[in-house]
Amino acid sequence: MQVESVVADLKEKAEVFASSQHGNSKARVIILGEAAVGTQISLAGLQMRFTSPMSKVVLFYDEEGPRIGTRALVPADRAGSLHK
């Protein structure tokens, strides 16, 4: 096998493994009230511990990280229509 072929094979296997580790990347956590310091969230295979209180936010899987992203809660979130 040529080196390029081995590298391509390993890269493909790494991508399959990484995508299987993130669970449901469409999942959301909506905080309607307030979550206290120390609260830990697990989302799409990632974890986040709050270092400050969080209120009226949506937490989502941010593919650019990968990480857990946050954004302000909007009225549509309560109706079930989530937008990033």
Protein backbone atom coordinates (compact mmCIF):
# COMPACT_ATOMS: atom_id res chain seq x y z
CA MET A 1 0.00 0.00 0.00
CA GLN A 2 1.15 3.49 -0.74
CA VAL A 3 1.42 6.02 2.06
CA GLU A 4 -1.31 8.18 0.53
CA SER A 5 -3.71 5.24 0.51
CA VAL A 6 -3.00 4.43 4.15
CA VAL A 7 -3.46 8.09 5.19
CA ALA A 8 -6.75 8.33 3.26
CA ASP A 9 -8.02 5.13 4.90
CA LEU A 10 -7.10 6.35 8.39
CA LYS A 11 -8.69 9.75 7.76
CA GLU A 12 -11.96 8.10 6.67
CA LYS A 13 -11.99 5.85 9.75
CA ALA A 14 -11.30 8.85 12.03
CA GLU A 15 -14.20 10.79 10.51
CA VAL A 16 -16.60 7.87 11.00
CA PHE A 17 -15.43 7.48 14.61
CA ALA A 18 -15.75 11.21 15.34
CA SER A 19 -19.26 11.43 13.89
CA SER A 20 -20.40 8.47 16.00
CA GLN A 21 -19.27 10.16 19.21
CA HIS A 22 -21.59 13.17 19.03
CA GLY A 23 -24.96 11.54 19.61
CA ASN A 24 -27.87 13.63 18.39
CA SER A 25 -26.39 16.85 17.00
CA LYS A 26 -29.91 18.27 16.55
CA ALA A 27 -30.66 18.12 20.30
CA ARG A 28 -31.31 21.36 22.19
CA VAL A 29 -31.52 22.30 25.86
CA ILE A 30 -33.82 25.25 26.58
CA ILE A 31 -33.43 27.06 29.90
CA LEU A 32 -36.64 28.96 30.56
CA GLY A 33 -35.75 30.13 34.07
CA GLU A 34 -32.27 30.15 35.58
CA ALA A 35 -29.65 27.42 35.90
CA ALA A 36 -27.21 27.79 38.79
CA VAL A 37 -23.42 27.91 38.78
CA GLY A 38 -22.06 24.37 38.74
CA THR A 39 -24.91 22.96 36.64
CA GLN A 40 -23.54 20.41 34.17
CA ILE A 41 -25.15 19.80 30.78
CA SER A 42 -24.48 16.83 28.50
CA LEU A 43 -25.47 17.43 24.90
CA ALA A 44 -24.56 15.47 21.76
CA GLY A 45 -21.72 13.69 23.56
CA LEU A 46 -20.23 16.95 24.87
CA GLN A 47 -20.31 18.37 28.40
CA MET A 48 -20.51 21.88 29.79
CA ARG A 49 -20.38 23.11 33.40
CA PHE A 50 -21.75 26.58 34.08
CA THR A 51 -19.30 29.01 35.67
CA SER A 52 -21.99 31.69 35.91
CA PRO A 53 -25.79 31.53 36.14
CA MET A 54 -27.54 30.99 32.80
CA SER A 55 -31.08 32.18 32.11
CA LYS A 56 -33.37 32.26 29.11
CA VAL A 57 -30.92 30.61 26.72
CA VAL A 58 -30.83 27.76 24.24
CA LEU A 59 -27.85 25.41 24.25
CA PHE A 60 -27.09 23.57 21.01
CA TYR A 61 -24.40 21.50 19.31
CA ASP A 62 -22.10 23.89 17.46
CA GLU A 63 -20.38 21.98 14.66
CA GLU A 64 -17.71 24.65 14.25
CA GLY A 65 -16.19 23.66 17.61
CA PRO A 66 -17.34 21.03 18.06
CA ARG A 67 -18.71 22.54 21.24
CA ILE A 68 -21.93 23.45 23.00
CA GLY A 69 -23.08 26.85 21.77
CA THR A 70 -25.51 29.23 23.44
CA ARG A 71 -27.91 31.87 22.20
CA ALA A 72 -30.68 33.98 23.70
CA LEU A 73 -34.11 32.40 24.01
CA VAL A 74 -36.68 33.79 21.55
CA PRO A 75 -40.49 33.34 21.58
CA ALA A 76 -40.36 30.83 18.70
CA ASP A 77 -38.32 28.46 20.93
CA ARG A 78 -41.30 28.01 23.22
CA ALA A 79 -43.48 27.07 20.26
CA GLY A 80 -41.04 24.36 19.21
CA SER A 81 -39.62 26.10 16.13
CA LEU A 82 -35.89 26.38 16.91
CA HIS A 83 -33.55 28.56 14.88
CA LYS A 84 -29.82 28.84 15.37
